[in-house]
C-alpha atoms as a PDB file:
ATOM      1  CA  UNK A   1      20.926  67.540 -22.400  1.00  0.00           C
ATOM      2  CA  UNK A   2      21.644  64.695 -24.794  1.00  0.00           C
ATOM      3  CA  UNK A   3      23.308  61.534 -23.536  1.00  0.00           C
ATOM      4  CA  UNK A   4      26.893  61.085 -24.628  1.00  0.00           C
ATOM      5  CA  UNK A   5      27.732  57.780 -26.235  1.00  0.00           C
ATOM      6  CA  UNK A   6      29.910  56.605 -23.350  1.00  0.00           C
ATOM      7  CA  UNK A   7      27.443  57.710 -20.689  1.00  0.00           C
ATOM      8  CA  UNK A   8      24.496  56.015 -22.382  1.00  0.00           C
ATOM      9  CA  UNK A   9      26.540  52.894 -23.118  1.00  0.00           C
ATOM     10  CA  UNK A  10      27.580  52.576 -19.466  1.00  0.00           C
ATOM     11  CA  UNK A  11      24.016  52.796 -18.177  1.00  0.00           C
ATOM     12  CA  UNK A  12      22.720  50.457 -20.888  1.00  0.00           C
ATOM     13  CA  UNK A  13      25.421  47.943 -19.937  1.00  0.00           C
ATOM     14  CA  UNK A  14      24.444  48.194 -16.262  1.00  0.00           C
ATOM     15  CA  UNK A  15      20.795  47.558 -17.168  1.00  0.00           C
ATOM     16  CA  UNK A  16      21.749  44.537 -19.316  1.00  0.00           C
ATOM     17  CA  UNK A  17      23.857  43.083 -16.505  1.00  0.00           C
ATOM     18  CA  UNK A  18      21.110  43.606 -13.934  1.00  0.00           C
ATOM     19  CA  UNK A  19      18.330  42.216 -16.131  1.00  0.00           C
ATOM     20  CA  UNK A  20      20.281  39.310 -17.596  1.00  0.00           C
ATOM     21  CA  UNK A  21      18.157  37.459 -20.113  1.00  0.00           C
ATOM     22  CA  UNK A  22      14.930  38.636 -18.489  1.00  0.00           C
ATOM     23  CA  UNK A  23      12.280  40.452 -20.412  1.00  0.00           C
ATOM     24  CA  UNK A  24       8.972  41.994 -19.445  1.00  0.00           C
ATOM     25  CA  UNK A  25       6.073  40.515 -21.382  1.00  0.00           C
ATOM     26  CA  UNK A  26       2.296  40.490 -21.043  1.00  0.00           C
ATOM     27  CA  UNK A  27      -0.479  37.929 -21.140  1.00  0.00           C
ATOM     28  CA  UNK A  28      -2.408  37.802 -24.414  1.00  0.00           C
ATOM     29  CA  UNK A  29      -5.031  40.530 -24.773  1.00  0.00           C
ATOM     30  CA  UNK A  30      -4.198  41.880 -21.337  1.00  0.00           C
ATOM     31  CA  UNK A  31      -2.148  44.367 -19.334  1.00  0.00           C
ATOM     32  CA  UNK A  32      -1.230  41.603 -16.855  1.00  0.00           C
ATOM     33  CA  UNK A  33       2.480  40.914 -16.808  1.00  0.00           C
ATOM     34  CA  UNK A  34       3.586  37.326 -17.374  1.00  0.00           C
ATOM     35  CA  UNK A  35       5.203  35.440 -14.512  1.00  0.00           C
ATOM     36  CA  UNK A  36       8.556  36.977 -13.581  1.00  0.00           C
ATOM     37  CA  UNK A  37       8.044  40.143 -15.629  1.00  0.00           C
ATOM     38  CA  UNK A  38       7.318  42.371 -12.627  1.00  0.00           C
ATOM     39  CA  UNK A  39      10.592  41.146 -11.103  1.00  0.00           C
ATOM     40  CA  UNK A  40      12.418  42.151 -14.299  1.00  0.00           C
ATOM     41  CA  UNK A  41      10.927  45.641 -14.054  1.00  0.00           C
ATOM     42  CA  UNK A  42      11.795  45.904 -10.353  1.00  0.00           C
ATOM     43  CA  UNK A  43      15.425  44.991 -11.175  1.00  0.00           C
ATOM     44  CA  UNK A  44      15.397  47.750 -13.791  1.00  0.00           C
ATOM     45  CA  UNK A  45      13.959  50.098 -11.164  1.00  0.00           C
ATOM     46  CA  UNK A  46      16.911  49.470  -8.861  1.00  0.00           C
ATOM     47  CA  UNK A  47      19.270  50.628 -11.612  1.00  0.00           C
ATOM     48  CA  UNK A  48      17.116  53.606 -12.588  1.00  0.00           C
ATOM     49  CA  UNK A  49      16.798  54.800  -8.978  1.00  0.00           C
ATOM     50  CA  UNK A  50      20.602  54.849  -8.778  1.00  0.00           C
ATOM     51  CA  UNK A  51      20.690  57.037 -11.906  1.00  0.00           C
ATOM     52  CA  UNK A  52      17.886  59.581 -11.395  1.00  0.00           C
ATOM     53  CA  UNK A  53      19.480  61.988 -13.872  1.00  0.00           C
ATOM     54  CA  UNK A  54      18.325  59.829 -16.806  1.00  0.00           C
ATOM     55  CA  UNK A  55      14.906  59.782 -18.463  1.00  0.00           C
ATOM     56  CA  UNK A  56      13.724  56.558 -20.037  1.00  0.00           C
ATOM     57  CA  UNK A  57      10.979  55.683 -22.465  1.00  0.00           C
ATOM     58  CA  UNK A  58       8.930  52.547 -21.870  1.00  0.00           C
ATOM     59  CA  UNK A  59       8.067  51.265 -25.318  1.00  0.00           C
ATOM     60  CA  UNK A  60       5.085  48.925 -25.055  1.00  0.00           C
ATOM     61  CA  UNK A  61       4.184  46.556 -27.868  1.00  0.00           C
ATOM     62  CA  UNK A  62       1.323  44.296 -28.881  1.00  0.00           C
ATOM     63  CA  UNK A  63       1.167  41.087 -30.846  1.00  0.00           C
ATOM     64  CA  UNK A  64      -0.160  41.531 -34.409  1.00  0.00           C
ATOM     65  CA  UNK A  65      -2.992  39.100 -33.603  1.00  0.00           C
ATOM     66  CA  UNK A  66      -4.334  41.221 -30.717  1.00  0.00           C
ATOM     67  CA  UNK A  67      -7.395  43.427 -31.130  1.00  0.00           C
ATOM     68  CA  UNK A  68      -7.149  47.157 -30.357  1.00  0.00           C
ATOM     69  CA  UNK A  69      -3.361  46.842 -30.455  1.00  0.00           C
ATOM     70  CA  UNK A  70      -2.654  50.564 -30.008  1.00  0.00           C
ATOM     71  CA  UNK A  71      -4.928  50.996 -26.984  1.00  0.00           C
ATOM     72  CA  UNK A  72      -3.657  47.752 -25.499  1.00  0.00           C
ATOM     73  CA  UNK A  73      -0.014  48.769 -25.892  1.00  0.00           C
ATOM     74  CA  UNK A  74      -0.770  52.172 -24.335  1.00  0.00           C
ATOM     75  CA  UNK A  75      -2.366  50.459 -21.345  1.00  0.00           C
ATOM     76  CA  UNK A  76       0.657  48.124 -21.094  1.00  0.00           C
ATOM     77  CA  UNK A  77       3.004  51.108 -21.042  1.00  0.00           C
ATOM     78  CA  UNK A  78       1.005  52.579 -18.152  1.00  0.00           C
ATOM     79  CA  UNK A  79       1.030  49.225 -16.323  1.00  0.00           C
ATOM     80  CA  UNK A  80       4.816  48.922 -16.651  1.00  0.00           C
ATOM     81  CA  UNK A  81       5.256  52.537 -15.549  1.00  0.00           C
ATOM     82  CA  UNK A  82       3.135  51.808 -12.482  1.00  0.00           C
ATOM     83  CA  UNK A  83       5.428  48.901 -11.513  1.00  0.00           C
ATOM     84  CA  UNK A  84       8.494  51.140 -11.839  1.00  0.00           C
ATOM     85  CA  UNK A  85       6.982  54.031  -9.870  1.00  0.00           C
ATOM     86  CA  UNK A  86       5.742  51.682  -7.142  1.00  0.00           C
ATOM     87  CA  UNK A  87       9.339  50.432  -6.941  1.00  0.00           C
ATOM     88  CA  UNK A  88      10.502  54.005  -6.328  1.00  0.00           C
ATOM     89  CA  UNK A  89      11.424  55.372  -9.749  1.00  0.00           C
ATOM     90  CA  UNK A  90      10.257  59.005  -9.988  1.00  0.00           C
ATOM     91  CA  UNK A  91       7.241  59.462 -12.267  1.00  0.00           C
ATOM     92  CA  UNK A  92       9.072  62.251 -14.159  1.00  0.00           C
ATOM     93  CA  UNK A  93      11.931  59.877 -15.007  1.00  0.00           C
ATOM     94  CA  UNK A  94       9.661  57.712 -17.162  1.00  0.00           C
ATOM     95  CA  UNK A  95       7.916  58.443 -20.443  1.00  0.00           C
ATOM     96  CA  UNK A  96       5.502  55.803 -21.701  1.00  0.00           C
ATOM     97  CA  UNK A  97       4.875  55.148 -25.391  1.00  0.00           C
ATOM     98  CA  UNK A  98       2.542  52.829 -27.275  1.00  0.00           C
ATOM     99  CA  UNK A  99       4.083  51.104 -30.277  1.00  0.00           C
ATOM    100  CA  UNK A 100       1.033  48.963 -31.068  1.00  0.00           C
ATOM    101  CA  UNK A 101       1.972  45.982 -33.258  1.00  0.00           C
ATOM    102  CA  UNK A 102       4.234  48.056 -35.530  1.00  0.00           C
ATOM    103  CA  UNK A 103       7.559  46.405 -34.643  1.00  0.00           C
ATOM    104  CA  UNK A 104       7.139  42.702 -33.919  1.00  0.00           C
ATOM    105  CA  UNK A 105      10.246  40.751 -32.909  1.00  0.00           C
ATOM    106  CA  UNK A 106       8.900  37.735 -34.739  1.00  0.00           C
ATOM    107  CA  UNK A 107       6.168  37.025 -37.266  1.00  0.00           C
ATOM    108  CA  UNK A 108       5.698  33.530 -35.854  1.00  0.00           C
ATOM    109  CA  UNK A 109       2.347  32.282 -34.654  1.00  0.00           C
ATOM    110  CA  UNK A 110       3.319  30.017 -31.752  1.00  0.00           C
ATOM    111  CA  UNK A 111       2.334  31.100 -28.251  1.00  0.00           C
ATOM    112  CA  UNK A 112       5.999  31.667 -27.342  1.00  0.00           C
ATOM    113  CA  UNK A 113       6.624  33.805 -30.432  1.00  0.00           C
ATOM    114  CA  UNK A 114       3.506  35.865 -29.843  1.00  0.00           C
ATOM    115  CA  UNK A 115       4.496  36.400 -26.200  1.00  0.00           C
ATOM    116  CA  UNK A 116       7.865  37.817 -27.316  1.00  0.00           C
ATOM    117  CA  UNK A 117       5.944  40.504 -29.235  1.00  0.00           C
ATOM    118  CA  UNK A 118       3.816  41.450 -26.194  1.00  0.00           C
ATOM    119  CA  UNK A 119       6.671  43.284 -24.497  1.00  0.00           C
ATOM    120  CA  UNK A 120       7.898  46.478 -22.967  1.00  0.00           C
ATOM    121  CA  UNK A 121      11.339  47.818 -23.891  1.00  0.00           C
ATOM    122  CA  UNK A 122      13.328  50.374 -21.902  1.00  0.00           C
ATOM    123  CA  UNK A 123      15.050  53.012 -24.025  1.00  0.00           C
ATOM    124  CA  UNK A 124      17.376  55.641 -22.581  1.00  0.00           C
ATOM    125  CA  UNK A 125      16.214  59.037 -23.804  1.00  0.00           C
ATOM    126  CA  UNK A 126      18.193  61.844 -22.209  1.00  0.00           C
ATOM    127  CA  UNK A 127      19.526  63.456 -19.067  1.00  0.00           C
ATOM    128  CA  UNK A 128      17.054  65.373 -16.888  1.00  0.00           C
END
């Protein structure tokens, strides 16, 4: 069934509180998470395990300067899903999607700006 506005908002708020300002990003040209990113995903896992009735989509992104951006973002989605499942989130609770370099957060060219684009985003999809 579809998430109600209040139900989705409450879970999204819980995730924001638990994650704080943390984000999950990747090293350039790689599926390796940057320092602290696995911890961000494990904090998300603790929330998701407490709400097993929800399905999420992991939306993985690449930096526009990266080669094979679609394949790389698909591999990043799988890597992030692996962290969540190893932390106890049921495999069926997670859908992984590759967004390639189609939706950059920034068009900047500094290392920090490019890293912001190499990210995984958690989107609440529906109830199971």
